[in-house]
Amino acid sequence: MTSPADDAYLPDEATGTAPGRGRLTGRRILVVGAGTRPCPDPDPPMGNGRAISVLAAREGAAVACADKDRAAAAETARLARAEGATAEVLVADVSEPQACADLVTAAAAALGGLDGLVLNVGFALGRGITGTTAQEWDEVFAVNTRAHFLVSAAALPVLAPRSSIVYISSAASLRAATGAPL
């Protein structure tokens, strides 16, 4: 950890370098949107879904890393396994309703049940209302909103007692200046 006198002071928890404390030992968590999109930056940041998966693994959870991009999900699973956890790779296009139900079934089978669900998947198309087509609106809505509903609905009957569902939203939803209509 850097010192408080350092201009770049951040606690280990904020930088993702804190050791695990076993807070999720025995839990089985499905992270939807677990990959990280490719970035040309020479030192790209880790995406939220990947960071959540790795931290859950560090805390002792078994993780199902789900993404539309197999390579991205596989890299996340590799990082989770490096933390000593069980990590499964699942591929699904959550814009398809049946894929949402199948994803939950596959995750529960791979992990022997589910204790947690993190819905981190989302993207943007279009620029403002007048710069967005109806097709773009439908594509974004299918992933950013409908998929969260469909995956949650499929998961509720299989989630163990005292389970949690976490919905992740973009900070872009808090400001109109982003230009993304949804």
N, C-alpha and C. Protein backbone atom coordinates (compact mmCIF):
# COMPACT_ATOMS: atom_id res chain seq x y z
N MET A 1 0.85 -1.18 0.00
CA MET A 1 0.00 0.00 0.00
C MET A 1 0.89 1.23 0.00
N THR A 2 0.48 2.26 -0.71
CA THR A 2 1.22 3.51 -0.69
C THR A 2 0.87 4.26 0.59
N SER A 3 1.65 5.24 0.94
CA SER A 3 1.40 5.96 2.20
C SER A 3 0.39 7.08 1.97
N PRO A 4 -0.30 7.50 3.05
CA PRO A 4 -1.28 8.59 2.92
C PRO A 4 -0.65 9.89 2.42
N ALA A 5 0.66 10.07 2.66
CA ALA A 5 1.32 11.29 2.20
C ALA A 5 1.53 11.28 0.68
N ASP A 6 1.44 10.10 0.09
CA ASP A 6 1.60 9.95 -1.35
C ASP A 6 0.40 10.54 -2.07
N ASP A 7 0.64 11.29 -3.16
CA ASP A 7 -0.48 11.84 -3.94
C ASP A 7 -1.35 10.73 -4.52
N ALA A 8 -0.75 9.56 -4.78
CA ALA A 8 -1.47 8.46 -5.41
C ALA A 8 -2.02 7.47 -4.38
N TYR A 9 -2.19 7.89 -3.13
CA TYR A 9 -2.64 6.98 -2.08
C TYR A 9 -4.02 6.39 -2.41
N LEU A 10 -4.05 5.10 -2.47
CA LEU A 10 -5.30 4.35 -2.58
C LEU A 10 -5.17 3.12 -1.71
N PRO A 11 -6.20 2.80 -0.93
CA PRO A 11 -6.12 1.59 -0.11
C PRO A 11 -6.08 0.35 -1.00
N ASP A 12 -5.52 -0.73 -0.48
CA ASP A 12 -5.40 -1.96 -1.25
C ASP A 12 -6.75 -2.44 -1.78
N GLU A 13 -7.81 -2.23 -1.03
CA GLU A 13 -9.15 -2.63 -1.49
C GLU A 13 -9.53 -1.89 -2.77
N ALA A 14 -9.14 -0.62 -2.88
CA ALA A 14 -9.48 0.17 -4.06
C ALA A 14 -8.68 -0.24 -5.28
N THR A 15 -7.48 -0.76 -5.08
CA THR A 15 -6.63 -1.14 -6.20
C THR A 15 -6.77 -2.62 -6.55
N GLY A 16 -7.55 -3.35 -5.79
CA GLY A 16 -7.73 -4.78 -6.07
C GLY A 16 -6.58 -5.64 -5.61
N THR A 17 -5.75 -5.13 -4.71
CA THR A 17 -4.59 -5.88 -4.25
C THR A 17 -4.74 -6.40 -2.82
N ALA A 18 -5.85 -6.14 -2.18
CA ALA A 18 -6.06 -6.63 -0.81
C ALA A 18 -6.22 -8.14 -0.83
N PRO A 19 -5.71 -8.83 0.18
CA PRO A 19 -5.87 -10.28 0.23
C PRO A 19 -7.32 -10.65 0.51
N GLY A 20 -7.73 -11.85 0.08
CA GLY A 20 -9.07 -12.33 0.37
C GLY A 20 -9.22 -12.63 1.85
N ARG A 21 -10.43 -12.54 2.33
CA ARG A 21 -10.72 -12.82 3.73
C ARG A 21 -11.70 -13.97 3.90
N GLY A 22 -11.98 -14.66 2.79
CA GLY A 22 -12.89 -15.81 2.86
C GLY A 22 -14.34 -15.44 3.06
N ARG A 23 -14.73 -14.22 2.71
CA ARG A 23 -16.10 -13.76 2.94
C ARG A 23 -17.13 -14.45 2.06
N LEU A 24 -16.68 -15.11 0.97
CA LEU A 24 -17.62 -15.80 0.08
C LEU A 24 -17.32 -17.29 -0.02
N THR A 25 -16.61 -17.81 0.94
CA THR A 25 -16.25 -19.23 0.92
C THR A 25 -17.51 -20.09 0.81
N GLY A 26 -17.48 -21.00 -0.15
CA GLY A 26 -18.60 -21.91 -0.36
C GLY A 26 -19.73 -21.36 -1.21
N ARG A 27 -19.65 -20.10 -1.59
CA ARG A 27 -20.71 -19.49 -2.41
C ARG A 27 -20.45 -19.79 -3.88
N ARG A 28 -21.52 -19.83 -4.66
CA ARG A 28 -21.45 -20.11 -6.11
C ARG A 28 -22.13 -18.96 -6.83
N ILE A 29 -21.33 -18.25 -7.62
CA ILE A 29 -21.80 -16.98 -8.19
C ILE A 29 -21.69 -16.99 -9.71
N LEU A 30 -22.76 -16.59 -10.36
CA LEU A 30 -22.80 -16.39 -11.80
C LEU A 30 -22.61 -14.91 -12.07
N VAL A 31 -21.57 -14.56 -12.83
CA VAL A 31 -21.33 -13.18 -13.24
C VAL A 31 -21.61 -13.09 -14.73
N VAL A 32 -22.65 -12.35 -15.10
CA VAL A 32 -23.02 -12.16 -16.50
C VAL A 32 -22.39 -10.85 -16.97
N GLY A 33 -21.57 -10.96 -18.02
CA GLY A 33 -20.79 -9.81 -18.47
C GLY A 33 -19.43 -9.84 -17.77
N ALA A 34 -18.87 -11.04 -17.64
CA ALA A 34 -17.62 -11.23 -16.91
C ALA A 34 -16.38 -10.93 -17.73
N GLY A 35 -16.53 -10.73 -19.02
CA GLY A 35 -15.36 -10.44 -19.86
C GLY A 35 -14.99 -8.98 -19.80
N THR A 36 -13.92 -8.64 -20.46
CA THR A 36 -13.51 -7.24 -20.61
C THR A 36 -13.27 -7.01 -22.09
N ARG A 37 -13.86 -5.96 -22.62
CA ARG A 37 -13.68 -5.66 -24.04
C ARG A 37 -12.23 -5.30 -24.34
N PRO A 38 -11.74 -5.68 -25.50
CA PRO A 38 -10.37 -5.30 -25.89
C PRO A 38 -10.22 -3.78 -25.90
N CYS A 39 -9.04 -3.34 -25.53
CA CYS A 39 -8.76 -1.91 -25.46
C CYS A 39 -7.36 -1.65 -26.00
N PRO A 40 -7.18 -0.63 -26.82
CA PRO A 40 -5.85 -0.36 -27.38
C PRO A 40 -4.87 0.22 -26.37
N ASP A 41 -5.34 0.63 -25.22
CA ASP A 41 -4.47 1.18 -24.17
C ASP A 41 -3.40 0.15 -23.81
N PRO A 42 -2.14 0.55 -23.69
CA PRO A 42 -1.08 -0.41 -23.35
C PRO A 42 -1.24 -1.01 -21.95
N ASP A 43 -1.94 -0.31 -21.06
CA ASP A 43 -2.20 -0.82 -19.71
C ASP A 43 -3.68 -0.61 -19.41
N PRO A 44 -4.55 -1.38 -20.09
CA PRO A 44 -5.99 -1.12 -19.96
C PRO A 44 -6.51 -1.49 -18.57
N PRO A 45 -7.53 -0.79 -18.13
CA PRO A 45 -8.13 -1.15 -16.84
C PRO A 45 -8.92 -2.45 -16.97
N MET A 46 -9.10 -3.12 -15.86
CA MET A 46 -9.90 -4.33 -15.83
C MET A 46 -11.37 -3.91 -15.80
N GLY A 47 -12.19 -4.54 -16.61
CA GLY A 47 -13.62 -4.23 -16.61
C GLY A 47 -14.28 -4.66 -15.31
N ASN A 48 -15.44 -4.09 -15.04
CA ASN A 48 -16.17 -4.39 -13.80
C ASN A 48 -16.49 -5.87 -13.64
N GLY A 49 -16.98 -6.51 -14.70
CA GLY A 49 -17.35 -7.93 -14.59
C GLY A 49 -16.16 -8.80 -14.27
N ARG A 50 -15.04 -8.52 -14.91
CA ARG A 50 -13.81 -9.28 -14.63
C ARG A 50 -13.36 -9.02 -13.20
N ALA A 51 -13.36 -7.76 -12.78
CA ALA A 51 -12.94 -7.42 -11.42
C ALA A 51 -13.84 -8.08 -10.38
N ILE A 52 -15.13 -8.09 -10.62
CA ILE A 52 -16.06 -8.73 -9.69
C ILE A 52 -15.80 -10.23 -9.61
N SER A 53 -15.58 -10.86 -10.75
CA SER A 53 -15.31 -12.30 -10.78
C SER A 53 -14.03 -12.64 -10.02
N VAL A 54 -12.98 -11.87 -10.26
CA VAL A 54 -11.69 -12.13 -9.60
C VAL A 54 -11.80 -11.90 -8.10
N LEU A 55 -12.46 -10.83 -7.70
CA LEU A 55 -12.61 -10.56 -6.28
C LEU A 55 -13.46 -11.63 -5.59
N ALA A 56 -14.54 -12.06 -6.25
CA ALA A 56 -15.36 -13.13 -5.68
C ALA A 56 -14.54 -14.40 -5.50
N ALA A 57 -13.71 -14.70 -6.50
CA ALA A 57 -12.83 -15.88 -6.41
C ALA A 57 -11.84 -15.71 -5.26
N ARG A 58 -11.25 -14.53 -5.14
CA ARG A 58 -10.30 -14.26 -4.06
C ARG A 58 -10.96 -14.42 -2.69
N GLU A 59 -12.25 -14.12 -2.62
CA GLU A 59 -12.98 -14.24 -1.37
C GLU A 59 -13.51 -15.65 -1.14
N GLY A 60 -13.20 -16.60 -2.05
CA GLY A 60 -13.53 -18.00 -1.82
C GLY A 60 -14.69 -18.55 -2.60
N ALA A 61 -15.32 -17.76 -3.45
CA ALA A 61 -16.47 -18.23 -4.23
C ALA A 61 -16.03 -19.02 -5.45
N ALA A 62 -16.87 -19.97 -5.86
CA ALA A 62 -16.76 -20.58 -7.18
C ALA A 62 -17.51 -19.65 -8.12
N VAL A 63 -16.96 -19.41 -9.31
CA VAL A 63 -17.52 -18.40 -10.20
C VAL A 63 -17.80 -18.98 -11.58
N ALA A 64 -18.98 -18.67 -12.10
CA ALA A 64 -19.30 -18.95 -13.50
C ALA A 64 -19.14 -17.64 -14.24
N CYS A 65 -18.16 -17.57 -15.13
CA CYS A 65 -17.84 -16.36 -15.87
C CYS A 65 -18.55 -16.41 -17.21
N ALA A 66 -19.61 -15.62 -17.35
CA ALA A 66 -20.42 -15.65 -18.56
C ALA A 66 -20.21 -14.39 -19.38
N ASP A 67 -20.07 -14.57 -20.68
CA ASP A 67 -19.91 -13.45 -21.59
C ASP A 67 -20.27 -13.91 -22.99
N LYS A 68 -20.54 -12.98 -23.87
CA LYS A 68 -20.79 -13.30 -25.27
C LYS A 68 -19.49 -13.68 -25.97
N ASP A 69 -18.37 -13.15 -25.47
CA ASP A 69 -17.04 -13.36 -26.04
C ASP A 69 -16.34 -14.48 -25.25
N ARG A 70 -16.19 -15.65 -25.87
CA ARG A 70 -15.59 -16.80 -25.18
C ARG A 70 -14.18 -16.49 -24.67
N ALA A 71 -13.37 -15.84 -25.50
CA ALA A 71 -11.99 -15.54 -25.10
C ALA A 71 -11.96 -14.62 -23.88
N ALA A 72 -12.84 -13.64 -23.85
CA ALA A 72 -12.89 -12.72 -22.71
C ALA A 72 -13.32 -13.45 -21.44
N ALA A 73 -14.33 -14.32 -21.55
CA ALA A 73 -14.78 -15.09 -20.39
C ALA A 73 -13.69 -16.06 -19.93
N ALA A 74 -12.98 -16.66 -20.88
CA ALA A 74 -11.91 -17.60 -20.54
C ALA A 74 -10.77 -16.90 -19.81
N GLU A 75 -10.42 -15.70 -20.23
CA GLU A 75 -9.36 -14.96 -19.54
C GLU A 75 -9.80 -14.61 -18.11
N THR A 76 -11.05 -14.22 -17.95
CA THR A 76 -11.55 -13.94 -16.61
C THR A 76 -11.50 -15.20 -15.75
N ALA A 77 -11.92 -16.33 -16.29
CA ALA A 77 -11.88 -17.58 -15.54
C ALA A 77 -10.44 -17.94 -15.17
N ARG A 78 -9.51 -17.70 -16.09
CA ARG A 78 -8.10 -17.98 -15.80
C ARG A 78 -7.63 -17.15 -14.60
N LEU A 79 -7.99 -15.88 -14.58
CA LEU A 79 -7.60 -15.01 -13.48
C LEU A 79 -8.26 -15.45 -12.17
N ALA A 80 -9.51 -15.88 -12.25
CA ALA A 80 -10.21 -16.37 -11.05
C ALA A 80 -9.55 -17.64 -10.53
N ARG A 81 -9.18 -18.53 -11.43
CA ARG A 81 -8.49 -19.77 -11.02
C ARG A 81 -7.14 -19.46 -10.38
N ALA A 82 -6.49 -18.42 -10.85
CA ALA A 82 -5.20 -18.01 -10.27
C ALA A 82 -5.36 -17.60 -8.81
N GLU A 83 -6.59 -17.26 -8.43
CA GLU A 83 -6.89 -16.93 -7.03
C GLU A 83 -7.19 -18.19 -6.23
N GLY A 84 -7.15 -19.36 -6.88
CA GLY A 84 -7.39 -20.62 -6.20
C GLY A 84 -8.84 -21.09 -6.23
N ALA A 85 -9.65 -20.45 -7.05
CA ALA A 85 -11.08 -20.76 -7.08
C ALA A 85 -11.44 -21.66 -8.25
N THR A 86 -12.60 -22.28 -8.15
CA THR A 86 -13.21 -22.95 -9.29
C THR A 86 -13.82 -21.86 -10.15
N ALA A 87 -13.56 -21.92 -11.44
CA ALA A 87 -14.13 -20.92 -12.35
C ALA A 87 -14.52 -21.62 -13.65
N GLU A 88 -15.75 -21.43 -14.06
CA GLU A 88 -16.28 -22.02 -15.28
C GLU A 88 -16.48 -20.93 -16.34
N VAL A 89 -16.33 -21.31 -17.59
CA VAL A 89 -16.55 -20.40 -18.71
C VAL A 89 -17.89 -20.73 -19.34
N LEU A 90 -18.75 -19.73 -19.44
CA LEU A 90 -20.04 -19.89 -20.10
C LEU A 90 -20.19 -18.81 -21.16
N VAL A 91 -20.73 -19.19 -22.30
CA VAL A 91 -20.90 -18.25 -23.40
C VAL A 91 -22.39 -18.14 -23.70
N ALA A 92 -22.87 -16.89 -23.77
CA ALA A 92 -24.28 -16.67 -24.07
C ALA A 92 -24.48 -15.28 -24.65
N ASP A 93 -25.41 -15.20 -25.57
CA ASP A 93 -25.86 -13.92 -26.10
C ASP A 93 -27.17 -13.61 -25.38
N VAL A 94 -27.10 -12.80 -24.32
CA VAL A 94 -28.28 -12.56 -23.49
C VAL A 94 -29.33 -11.69 -24.15
N SER A 95 -29.10 -11.29 -25.40
CA SER A 95 -30.17 -10.60 -26.12
C SER A 95 -31.23 -11.61 -26.57
N GLU A 96 -30.89 -12.91 -26.48
CA GLU A 96 -31.82 -13.99 -26.84
C GLU A 96 -32.47 -14.54 -25.57
N PRO A 97 -33.80 -14.47 -25.43
CA PRO A 97 -34.46 -14.91 -24.21
C PRO A 97 -34.11 -16.34 -23.78
N GLN A 98 -34.08 -17.29 -24.71
CA GLN A 98 -33.77 -18.67 -24.31
C GLN A 98 -32.35 -18.79 -23.79
N ALA A 99 -31.44 -17.98 -24.33
CA ALA A 99 -30.05 -18.01 -23.86
C ALA A 99 -29.96 -17.60 -22.40
N CYS A 100 -30.83 -16.70 -21.95
CA CYS A 100 -30.83 -16.27 -20.55
C CYS A 100 -31.19 -17.43 -19.62
N ALA A 101 -32.23 -18.16 -19.97
CA ALA A 101 -32.64 -19.31 -19.17
C ALA A 101 -31.59 -20.41 -19.22
N ASP A 102 -31.06 -20.67 -20.40
CA ASP A 102 -30.03 -21.71 -20.55
C ASP A 102 -28.77 -21.37 -19.76
N LEU A 103 -28.44 -20.10 -19.70
CA LEU A 103 -27.25 -19.66 -18.97
C LEU A 103 -27.38 -19.99 -17.49
N VAL A 104 -28.51 -19.71 -16.92
CA VAL A 104 -28.73 -20.02 -15.50
C VAL A 104 -28.67 -21.52 -15.26
N THR A 105 -29.30 -22.30 -16.13
CA THR A 105 -29.27 -23.76 -16.00
C THR A 105 -27.84 -24.28 -16.07
N ALA A 106 -27.07 -23.78 -17.03
CA ALA A 106 -25.68 -24.22 -17.19
C ALA A 106 -24.83 -23.83 -15.99
N ALA A 107 -25.01 -22.62 -15.48
CA ALA A 107 -24.23 -22.17 -14.33
C ALA A 107 -24.55 -23.00 -13.09
N ALA A 108 -25.83 -23.23 -12.85
CA ALA A 108 -26.22 -24.03 -11.68
C ALA A 108 -25.69 -25.45 -11.79
N ALA A 109 -25.71 -26.02 -12.98
CA ALA A 109 -25.17 -27.38 -13.18
C ALA A 109 -23.65 -27.39 -12.99
N ALA A 110 -22.97 -26.40 -13.53
CA ALA A 110 -21.50 -26.36 -13.45
C ALA A 110 -21.00 -26.14 -12.03
N LEU A 111 -21.74 -25.34 -11.25
CA LEU A 111 -21.29 -25.00 -9.90
C LEU A 111 -21.99 -25.80 -8.81
N GLY A 112 -22.96 -26.63 -9.19
CA GLY A 112 -23.70 -27.39 -8.18
C GLY A 112 -24.72 -26.54 -7.44
N GLY A 113 -25.24 -25.52 -8.11
CA GLY A 113 -26.22 -24.61 -7.52
C GLY A 113 -25.74 -23.18 -7.66
N LEU A 114 -26.57 -22.26 -7.20
CA LEU A 114 -26.22 -20.83 -7.25
C LEU A 114 -26.59 -20.15 -5.94
N ASP A 115 -25.69 -19.30 -5.48
CA ASP A 115 -25.92 -18.50 -4.28
C ASP A 115 -25.90 -17.01 -4.59
N GLY A 116 -25.49 -16.67 -5.80
CA GLY A 116 -25.41 -15.27 -6.15
C GLY A 116 -25.42 -15.07 -7.65
N LEU A 117 -25.91 -13.92 -8.04
CA LEU A 117 -26.01 -13.55 -9.44
C LEU A 117 -25.60 -12.09 -9.57
N VAL A 118 -24.68 -11.82 -10.48
CA VAL A 118 -24.26 -10.45 -10.77
C VAL A 118 -24.56 -10.19 -12.24
N LEU A 119 -25.39 -9.19 -12.49
CA LEU A 119 -25.75 -8.81 -13.86
C LEU A 119 -25.03 -7.52 -14.18
N ASN A 120 -23.92 -7.67 -14.90
CA ASN A 120 -23.05 -6.57 -15.23
C ASN A 120 -23.06 -6.24 -16.73
N VAL A 121 -23.80 -6.99 -17.50
CA VAL A 121 -23.76 -6.86 -18.95
C VAL A 121 -24.50 -5.60 -19.41
N GLY A 122 -23.89 -4.92 -20.40
CA GLY A 122 -24.52 -3.74 -20.96
C GLY A 122 -23.62 -3.08 -21.98
N PHE A 123 -24.21 -2.31 -22.88
CA PHE A 123 -23.45 -1.59 -23.90
C PHE A 123 -24.32 -0.46 -24.43
N ALA A 124 -23.75 0.37 -25.28
CA ALA A 124 -24.49 1.50 -25.83
C ALA A 124 -24.36 1.53 -27.35
N LEU A 125 -25.42 1.93 -28.00
CA LEU A 125 -25.45 2.19 -29.44
C LEU A 125 -26.19 3.50 -29.64
N GLY A 126 -25.89 4.17 -30.73
CA GLY A 126 -26.60 5.39 -31.06
C GLY A 126 -26.05 6.60 -30.32
N ARG A 127 -26.53 7.76 -30.72
CA ARG A 127 -26.14 9.03 -30.10
C ARG A 127 -27.39 9.86 -29.92
N GLY A 128 -27.89 9.91 -28.73
CA GLY A 128 -29.09 10.69 -28.46
C GLY A 128 -30.31 10.07 -29.11
N ILE A 129 -31.44 10.61 -28.81
CA ILE A 129 -32.70 10.09 -29.34
C ILE A 129 -32.74 10.19 -30.86
N THR A 130 -32.34 11.33 -31.41
CA THR A 130 -32.44 11.50 -32.86
C THR A 130 -31.33 10.78 -33.62
N GLY A 131 -30.27 10.35 -32.92
CA GLY A 131 -29.18 9.64 -33.57
C GLY A 131 -29.20 8.15 -33.30
N THR A 132 -30.33 7.65 -32.83
CA THR A 132 -30.47 6.23 -32.51
C THR A 132 -31.63 5.65 -33.30
N THR A 133 -31.38 4.55 -33.98
CA THR A 133 -32.46 3.90 -34.74
C THR A 133 -33.28 3.03 -33.81
N ALA A 134 -34.45 2.67 -34.26
CA ALA A 134 -35.30 1.76 -33.49
C ALA A 134 -34.60 0.42 -33.28
N GLN A 135 -33.87 -0.05 -34.30
CA GLN A 135 -33.15 -1.31 -34.17
C GLN A 135 -32.06 -1.21 -33.11
N GLU A 136 -31.31 -0.11 -33.10
CA GLU A 136 -30.27 0.07 -32.08
C GLU A 136 -30.90 0.12 -30.69
N TRP A 137 -32.00 0.84 -30.55
CA TRP A 137 -32.72 0.93 -29.28
C TRP A 137 -33.11 -0.46 -28.79
N ASP A 138 -33.69 -1.25 -29.69
CA ASP A 138 -34.12 -2.60 -29.32
C ASP A 138 -32.95 -3.49 -28.92
N GLU A 139 -31.83 -3.39 -29.64
CA GLU A 139 -30.65 -4.20 -29.32
C GLU A 139 -30.11 -3.85 -27.94
N VAL A 140 -30.01 -2.57 -27.65
CA VAL A 140 -29.50 -2.13 -26.35
C VAL A 140 -30.47 -2.52 -25.24
N PHE A 141 -31.74 -2.29 -25.45
CA PHE A 141 -32.74 -2.61 -24.44
C PHE A 141 -32.76 -4.10 -24.13
N ALA A 142 -32.59 -4.93 -25.16
CA ALA A 142 -32.61 -6.39 -24.98
C ALA A 142 -31.49 -6.85 -24.06
N VAL A 143 -30.34 -6.21 -24.13
CA VAL A 143 -29.20 -6.60 -23.29
C VAL A 143 -29.22 -5.85 -21.96
N ASN A 144 -29.37 -4.54 -21.99
CA ASN A 144 -29.21 -3.72 -20.79
C ASN A 144 -30.37 -3.81 -19.80
N THR A 145 -31.54 -4.17 -20.28
CA THR A 145 -32.71 -4.20 -19.39
C THR A 145 -33.41 -5.55 -19.41
N ARG A 146 -33.83 -5.98 -20.59
CA ARG A 146 -34.60 -7.23 -20.67
C ARG A 146 -33.80 -8.43 -20.18
N ALA A 147 -32.52 -8.51 -20.52
CA ALA A 147 -31.69 -9.65 -20.10
C ALA A 147 -31.59 -9.73 -18.58
N HIS A 148 -31.50 -8.58 -17.92
CA HIS A 148 -31.43 -8.58 -16.45
C HIS A 148 -32.70 -9.20 -15.87
N PHE A 149 -33.83 -8.80 -16.43
CA PHE A 149 -35.12 -9.37 -16.01
C PHE A 149 -35.17 -10.87 -16.28
N LEU A 150 -34.81 -11.28 -17.50
CA LEU A 150 -34.93 -12.70 -17.87
C LEU A 150 -33.97 -13.60 -17.09
N VAL A 151 -32.73 -13.16 -16.90
CA VAL A 151 -31.77 -13.97 -16.14
C VAL A 151 -32.23 -14.05 -14.68
N SER A 152 -32.68 -12.95 -14.12
CA SER A 152 -33.17 -12.96 -12.74
C SER A 152 -34.36 -13.88 -12.58
N ALA A 153 -35.30 -13.80 -13.51
CA ALA A 153 -36.49 -14.65 -13.44
C ALA A 153 -36.12 -16.13 -13.52
N ALA A 154 -35.14 -16.47 -14.35
CA ALA A 154 -34.70 -17.86 -14.45
C ALA A 154 -33.94 -18.28 -13.20
N ALA A 155 -33.23 -17.35 -12.57
CA ALA A 155 -32.39 -17.69 -11.41
C ALA A 155 -33.19 -17.82 -10.12
N LEU A 156 -34.24 -17.06 -9.96
CA LEU A 156 -34.97 -17.08 -8.68
C LEU A 156 -35.36 -18.48 -8.21
N PRO A 157 -35.86 -19.35 -9.08
CA PRO A 157 -36.23 -20.69 -8.60
C PRO A 157 -35.05 -21.58 -8.20
N VAL A 158 -33.84 -21.25 -8.67
CA VAL A 158 -32.70 -22.12 -8.36
C VAL A 158 -31.73 -21.51 -7.35
N LEU A 159 -31.88 -20.23 -7.03
CA LEU A 159 -30.99 -19.62 -6.06
C LEU A 159 -31.23 -20.21 -4.67
N ALA A 160 -30.14 -20.49 -3.97
CA ALA A 160 -30.22 -21.03 -2.62
C ALA A 160 -30.79 -19.96 -1.68
N PRO A 161 -31.32 -20.37 -0.54
CA PRO A 161 -31.79 -19.38 0.44
C PRO A 161 -30.66 -18.41 0.82
N ARG A 162 -31.04 -17.17 1.09
CA ARG A 162 -30.11 -16.10 1.48
C ARG A 162 -29.15 -15.73 0.35
N SER A 163 -29.58 -15.94 -0.87
CA SER A 163 -28.78 -15.55 -2.04
C SER A 163 -28.95 -14.07 -2.32
N SER A 164 -28.11 -13.58 -3.20
CA SER A 164 -28.17 -12.16 -3.58
C SER A 164 -28.15 -12.03 -5.09
N ILE A 165 -28.83 -10.99 -5.57
CA ILE A 165 -28.75 -10.58 -6.97
C ILE A 165 -28.25 -9.15 -6.98
N VAL A 166 -27.20 -8.90 -7.76
CA VAL A 166 -26.62 -7.56 -7.85
C VAL A 166 -26.77 -7.09 -9.30
N TYR A 167 -27.35 -5.92 -9.46
CA TYR A 167 -27.51 -5.31 -10.77
C TYR A 167 -26.50 -4.16 -10.89
N ILE A 168 -25.69 -4.20 -11.94
CA ILE A 168 -24.71 -3.15 -12.18
C ILE A 168 -25.24 -2.24 -13.29
N SER A 169 -25.13 -0.94 -13.07
CA SER A 169 -25.54 0.03 -14.07
C SER A 169 -24.36 0.95 -14.36
N SER A 170 -24.40 1.59 -15.47
CA SER A 170 -23.34 2.51 -15.85
C SER A 170 -23.55 3.87 -15.21
N ALA A 171 -22.46 4.53 -14.90
CA ALA A 171 -22.55 5.91 -14.43
C ALA A 171 -23.17 6.79 -15.51
N ALA A 172 -23.12 6.33 -16.76
CA ALA A 172 -23.72 7.09 -17.85
C ALA A 172 -25.23 7.25 -17.65
N SER A 173 -25.84 6.37 -16.86
CA SER A 173 -27.27 6.48 -16.62
C SER A 173 -27.60 7.65 -15.70
N LEU A 174 -26.60 8.24 -15.09
CA LEU A 174 -26.82 9.34 -14.16
C LEU A 174 -26.70 10.71 -14.79
N ARG A 175 -26.16 10.75 -16.02
CA ARG A 175 -25.93 12.03 -16.68
C ARG A 175 -26.47 12.02 -18.10
N ALA A 176 -27.21 13.03 -18.45
CA ALA A 176 -27.76 13.11 -19.80
C ALA A 176 -26.68 13.44 -20.83
N ALA A 177 -25.55 13.96 -20.43
CA ALA A 177 -24.52 14.41 -21.36
C ALA A 177 -23.77 13.28 -22.04
N THR A 178 -24.02 12.04 -21.69
CA THR A 178 -23.29 10.93 -22.30
C THR A 178 -23.71 10.70 -23.73
N GLY A 179 -24.91 11.10 -24.11
CA GLY A 179 -25.38 10.89 -25.46
C GLY A 179 -26.00 9.53 -25.69
N ALA A 180 -25.85 8.60 -24.76
CA ALA A 180 -26.44 7.27 -24.90
C ALA A 180 -27.90 7.33 -24.42
N PRO A 181 -28.85 7.01 -25.26
CA PRO A 181 -30.26 7.16 -24.88
C PRO A 181 -30.76 6.13 -23.87
N LEU A 182 -30.03 5.03 -23.67
CA LEU A 182 -30.50 4.02 -22.72
C LEU A 182 -29.34 3.48 -21.96
